[in-house]
Structures are given as C-alpha cells and as structure tokens.
Amino acid sequence: MDEKNLIEMKDLVLNYIIKEYIDEDEEKITYDTALISSGYVDSFSMVSLLVFLENKFKIKIPSSKATPEAFNTVNKIVDLVNQYIK
C-alpha cells in the first residue's frame, strides 16, 4: 500500500474512533495513542470497531488476531487490516 493510501486509512480509522468512542473534551488522539490500555476503547467497542473494519474494507479478521494488543493503537489496527486486504 502506498503512503497516501496508508495515511488515508489511518485517518479513516482515527476519525471513526474519535467519533464513536472519544468525548469531545478528551485529549488529542494520535495514531500512536494507546486506545485500549488507556481505556478509550473497551471490549464492546473493540467488537464494534472490528465489525466496522471488516465491513469497510471487505475483509474477515480471525478472532484469534483481533486481540487487545492488535487494537491498542491506530497504527497497529491499520497493520492488522493490511494483512487481510487483497
């Protein structure tokens, strides 16, 4: 994936997370912000994020790969998604 598409994907995931899970008055969230270990995204939110990613990118992420570690930052999420994009 080229750099432009990679940044677009990161922005798409980041904007979704901010819109769905982050209060507007929270601190600025970046590609490297710890989402799960900081409590921004909980286990229920992680499941809805997984569904969003699978629908948006028309992929299937095995449950064994959808771990809190893999979903802890936008960068890690995008790395995971890229493994399943054809």
N, C-alpha and C. Protein backbone atom coordinates (compact mmCIF):
# COMPACT_ATOMS: atom_id res chain seq x y z
N MET A 1 0.85 -1.18 0.00
CA MET A 1 0.00 0.00 0.00
C MET A 1 0.89 1.24 0.00
N ASP A 2 0.55 2.19 -0.85
CA ASP A 2 1.39 3.39 -0.90
C ASP A 2 1.11 4.31 0.29
N GLU A 3 2.02 5.24 0.49
CA GLU A 3 1.97 6.12 1.68
C GLU A 3 0.67 6.92 1.75
N LYS A 4 0.20 7.43 0.60
CA LYS A 4 -1.03 8.24 0.58
C LYS A 4 -2.22 7.41 1.05
N ASN A 5 -2.36 6.19 0.52
CA ASN A 5 -3.47 5.33 0.93
C ASN A 5 -3.34 4.89 2.38
N LEU A 6 -2.12 4.69 2.83
CA LEU A 6 -1.89 4.31 4.22
C LEU A 6 -2.33 5.42 5.17
N ILE A 7 -1.99 6.65 4.85
CA ILE A 7 -2.39 7.79 5.67
C ILE A 7 -3.91 7.97 5.63
N GLU A 8 -4.51 7.78 4.45
CA GLU A 8 -5.97 7.88 4.35
C GLU A 8 -6.65 6.83 5.22
N MET A 9 -6.11 5.60 5.23
CA MET A 9 -6.67 4.54 6.05
C MET A 9 -6.51 4.87 7.53
N LYS A 10 -5.34 5.35 7.92
CA LYS A 10 -5.11 5.73 9.32
C LYS A 10 -6.08 6.83 9.74
N ASP A 11 -6.27 7.82 8.87
CA ASP A 11 -7.19 8.93 9.19
C ASP A 11 -8.63 8.42 9.31
N LEU A 12 -9.02 7.52 8.43
CA LEU A 12 -10.36 6.96 8.47
C LEU A 12 -10.60 6.24 9.80
N VAL A 13 -9.66 5.40 10.19
CA VAL A 13 -9.78 4.65 11.45
C VAL A 13 -9.76 5.61 12.64
N LEU A 14 -8.83 6.55 12.64
CA LEU A 14 -8.72 7.53 13.73
C LEU A 14 -10.01 8.34 13.87
N ASN A 15 -10.54 8.82 12.76
CA ASN A 15 -11.77 9.63 12.81
C ASN A 15 -12.96 8.81 13.30
N TYR A 16 -13.02 7.54 12.90
CA TYR A 16 -14.09 6.67 13.39
C TYR A 16 -14.00 6.50 14.90
N ILE A 17 -12.81 6.23 15.38
CA ILE A 17 -12.60 6.03 16.83
C ILE A 17 -12.96 7.30 17.59
N ILE A 18 -12.51 8.45 17.12
CA ILE A 18 -12.82 9.71 17.80
C ILE A 18 -14.33 9.95 17.81
N LYS A 19 -14.98 9.74 16.67
CA LYS A 19 -16.41 9.99 16.56
C LYS A 19 -17.22 9.04 17.45
N GLU A 20 -16.83 7.78 17.49
CA GLU A 20 -17.62 6.77 18.19
C GLU A 20 -17.30 6.63 19.67
N TYR A 21 -16.03 6.85 20.06
CA TYR A 21 -15.62 6.44 21.41
C TYR A 21 -15.00 7.53 22.27
N ILE A 22 -14.64 8.65 21.70
CA ILE A 22 -13.90 9.66 22.45
C ILE A 22 -14.80 10.87 22.72
N ASP A 23 -14.85 11.29 23.98
CA ASP A 23 -15.57 12.51 24.31
C ASP A 23 -14.84 13.70 23.70
N GLU A 24 -15.61 14.69 23.27
CA GLU A 24 -15.02 15.83 22.58
C GLU A 24 -14.00 16.58 23.42
N ASP A 25 -14.16 16.56 24.73
CA ASP A 25 -13.23 17.31 25.56
C ASP A 25 -11.99 16.50 25.97
N GLU A 26 -11.87 15.30 25.42
CA GLU A 26 -10.70 14.47 25.73
C GLU A 26 -9.45 15.05 25.06
N GLU A 27 -8.31 14.54 25.50
CA GLU A 27 -7.05 14.96 24.89
C GLU A 27 -6.98 14.51 23.44
N LYS A 28 -6.04 15.07 22.71
CA LYS A 28 -5.88 14.74 21.30
C LYS A 28 -5.42 13.29 21.14
N ILE A 29 -6.09 12.58 20.27
CA ILE A 29 -5.78 11.19 19.98
C ILE A 29 -4.94 11.15 18.70
N THR A 30 -3.86 10.38 18.71
CA THR A 30 -2.99 10.27 17.55
C THR A 30 -2.94 8.81 17.08
N TYR A 31 -2.18 8.56 16.02
CA TYR A 31 -2.01 7.20 15.51
C TYR A 31 -1.38 6.27 16.54
N ASP A 32 -0.62 6.83 17.48
CA ASP A 32 0.11 6.02 18.46
C ASP A 32 -0.49 6.05 19.86
N THR A 33 -1.62 6.71 20.04
CA THR A 33 -2.26 6.76 21.36
C THR A 33 -2.72 5.36 21.75
N ALA A 34 -2.41 4.96 22.97
CA ALA A 34 -2.88 3.67 23.48
C ALA A 34 -4.38 3.74 23.71
N LEU A 35 -5.13 3.01 22.92
CA LEU A 35 -6.59 3.11 22.96
C LEU A 35 -7.20 2.20 24.01
N ILE A 36 -6.76 0.97 24.06
CA ILE A 36 -7.35 0.01 24.99
C ILE A 36 -6.73 0.12 26.36
N SER A 37 -5.42 0.14 26.42
CA SER A 37 -4.77 0.19 27.73
C SER A 37 -5.02 1.52 28.45
N SER A 38 -5.40 2.55 27.71
CA SER A 38 -5.76 3.84 28.33
C SER A 38 -7.25 3.97 28.61
N GLY A 39 -8.02 2.97 28.19
CA GLY A 39 -9.45 2.98 28.48
C GLY A 39 -10.32 3.72 27.48
N TYR A 40 -9.76 4.20 26.38
CA TYR A 40 -10.58 4.88 25.36
C TYR A 40 -11.51 3.90 24.66
N VAL A 41 -11.02 2.69 24.42
CA VAL A 41 -11.79 1.65 23.75
C VAL A 41 -11.88 0.45 24.69
N ASP A 42 -13.12 0.02 24.97
CA ASP A 42 -13.30 -1.16 25.82
C ASP A 42 -13.59 -2.38 24.95
N SER A 43 -13.85 -3.52 25.57
CA SER A 43 -14.03 -4.75 24.80
C SER A 43 -15.26 -4.68 23.89
N PHE A 44 -16.33 -4.07 24.34
CA PHE A 44 -17.52 -3.92 23.49
C PHE A 44 -17.21 -3.02 22.30
N SER A 45 -16.52 -1.92 22.55
CA SER A 45 -16.15 -1.00 21.47
C SER A 45 -15.21 -1.68 20.48
N MET A 46 -14.34 -2.53 20.98
CA MET A 46 -13.41 -3.24 20.11
C MET A 46 -14.17 -4.13 19.13
N VAL A 47 -15.23 -4.77 19.60
CA VAL A 47 -16.03 -5.63 18.73
C VAL A 47 -16.72 -4.78 17.65
N SER A 48 -17.28 -3.64 18.02
CA SER A 48 -17.94 -2.80 17.02
C SER A 48 -16.91 -2.21 16.05
N LEU A 49 -15.72 -1.92 16.52
CA LEU A 49 -14.65 -1.44 15.64
C LEU A 49 -14.25 -2.54 14.66
N LEU A 50 -14.16 -3.77 15.13
CA LEU A 50 -13.84 -4.90 14.26
C LEU A 50 -14.89 -5.04 13.16
N VAL A 51 -16.16 -4.96 13.51
CA VAL A 51 -17.24 -5.05 12.52
C VAL A 51 -17.12 -3.91 11.51
N PHE A 52 -16.85 -2.70 11.99
CA PHE A 52 -16.67 -1.56 11.09
C PHE A 52 -15.54 -1.83 10.10
N LEU A 53 -14.40 -2.30 10.59
CA LEU A 53 -13.24 -2.55 9.73
C LEU A 53 -13.54 -3.64 8.71
N GLU A 54 -14.18 -4.71 9.15
CA GLU A 54 -14.49 -5.80 8.23
C GLU A 54 -15.46 -5.35 7.14
N ASN A 55 -16.45 -4.56 7.51
CA ASN A 55 -17.41 -4.06 6.52
C ASN A 55 -16.79 -3.03 5.59
N LYS A 56 -16.03 -2.12 6.15
CA LYS A 56 -15.44 -1.03 5.37
C LYS A 56 -14.44 -1.55 4.34
N PHE A 57 -13.60 -2.49 4.76
CA PHE A 57 -12.53 -2.97 3.89
C PHE A 57 -12.83 -4.33 3.26
N LYS A 58 -14.05 -4.85 3.51
CA LYS A 58 -14.49 -6.13 2.93
C LYS A 58 -13.46 -7.24 3.19
N ILE A 59 -13.15 -7.38 4.47
CA ILE A 59 -12.19 -8.39 4.91
C ILE A 59 -12.79 -9.18 6.06
N LYS A 60 -12.14 -10.27 6.44
CA LYS A 60 -12.52 -11.03 7.63
C LYS A 60 -11.26 -11.20 8.47
N ILE A 61 -11.28 -10.65 9.67
CA ILE A 61 -10.16 -10.76 10.60
C ILE A 61 -10.49 -11.89 11.57
N PRO A 62 -9.66 -12.93 11.61
CA PRO A 62 -9.92 -14.04 12.53
C PRO A 62 -9.95 -13.56 13.99
N SER A 63 -10.82 -14.14 14.77
CA SER A 63 -10.93 -13.72 16.18
C SER A 63 -9.61 -13.90 16.91
N SER A 64 -8.81 -14.87 16.50
CA SER A 64 -7.51 -15.08 17.16
C SER A 64 -6.54 -13.92 16.92
N LYS A 65 -6.79 -13.14 15.87
CA LYS A 65 -5.93 -11.98 15.55
C LYS A 65 -6.49 -10.67 16.11
N ALA A 66 -7.77 -10.66 16.47
CA ALA A 66 -8.43 -9.46 16.98
C ALA A 66 -8.21 -9.36 18.48
N THR A 67 -6.97 -9.10 18.86
CA THR A 67 -6.60 -9.05 20.27
C THR A 67 -6.53 -7.60 20.76
N PRO A 68 -6.60 -7.40 22.07
CA PRO A 68 -6.42 -6.03 22.59
C PRO A 68 -5.09 -5.42 22.15
N GLU A 69 -4.05 -6.22 22.07
CA GLU A 69 -2.74 -5.70 21.63
C GLU A 69 -2.82 -5.21 20.19
N ALA A 70 -3.51 -5.96 19.33
CA ALA A 70 -3.62 -5.59 17.91
C ALA A 70 -4.50 -4.36 17.71
N PHE A 71 -5.36 -4.07 18.67
CA PHE A 71 -6.28 -2.93 18.56
C PHE A 71 -5.88 -1.76 19.47
N ASN A 72 -4.68 -1.78 20.01
CA ASN A 72 -4.31 -0.78 21.00
C ASN A 72 -3.93 0.58 20.42
N THR A 73 -3.52 0.64 19.17
CA THR A 73 -3.24 1.94 18.52
C THR A 73 -3.79 1.91 17.10
N VAL A 74 -4.00 3.08 16.54
CA VAL A 74 -4.43 3.16 15.13
C VAL A 74 -3.39 2.50 14.23
N ASN A 75 -2.12 2.74 14.50
CA ASN A 75 -1.07 2.12 13.68
C ASN A 75 -1.16 0.60 13.70
N LYS A 76 -1.39 0.01 14.87
CA LYS A 76 -1.49 -1.44 14.97
C LYS A 76 -2.75 -1.95 14.27
N ILE A 77 -3.84 -1.21 14.39
CA ILE A 77 -5.09 -1.59 13.72
C ILE A 77 -4.88 -1.61 12.21
N VAL A 78 -4.26 -0.56 11.67
CA VAL A 78 -4.02 -0.48 10.23
C VAL A 78 -3.07 -1.59 9.78
N ASP A 79 -2.06 -1.89 10.57
CA ASP A 79 -1.17 -3.01 10.24
C ASP A 79 -1.96 -4.31 10.14
N LEU A 80 -2.86 -4.53 11.09
CA LEU A 80 -3.68 -5.73 11.09
C LEU A 80 -4.57 -5.77 9.86
N VAL A 81 -5.27 -4.69 9.58
CA VAL A 81 -6.17 -4.63 8.42
C VAL A 81 -5.39 -4.92 7.13
N ASN A 82 -4.22 -4.36 7.01
CA ASN A 82 -3.42 -4.55 5.79
C ASN A 82 -3.02 -6.00 5.55
N GLN A 83 -2.99 -6.80 6.59
CA GLN A 83 -2.68 -8.22 6.43
C GLN A 83 -3.77 -8.97 5.69
N TYR A 84 -4.98 -8.41 5.69
CA TYR A 84 -6.14 -9.12 5.12
C TYR A 84 -6.69 -8.46 3.86
N ILE A 85 -6.16 -7.31 3.48
CA ILE A 85 -6.60 -6.67 2.24
C ILE A 85 -5.90 -7.36 1.08
N LYS A 86 -6.68 -7.71 0.09
CA LYS A 86 -6.11 -8.43 -1.08
C LYS A 86 -5.58 -7.47 -2.10
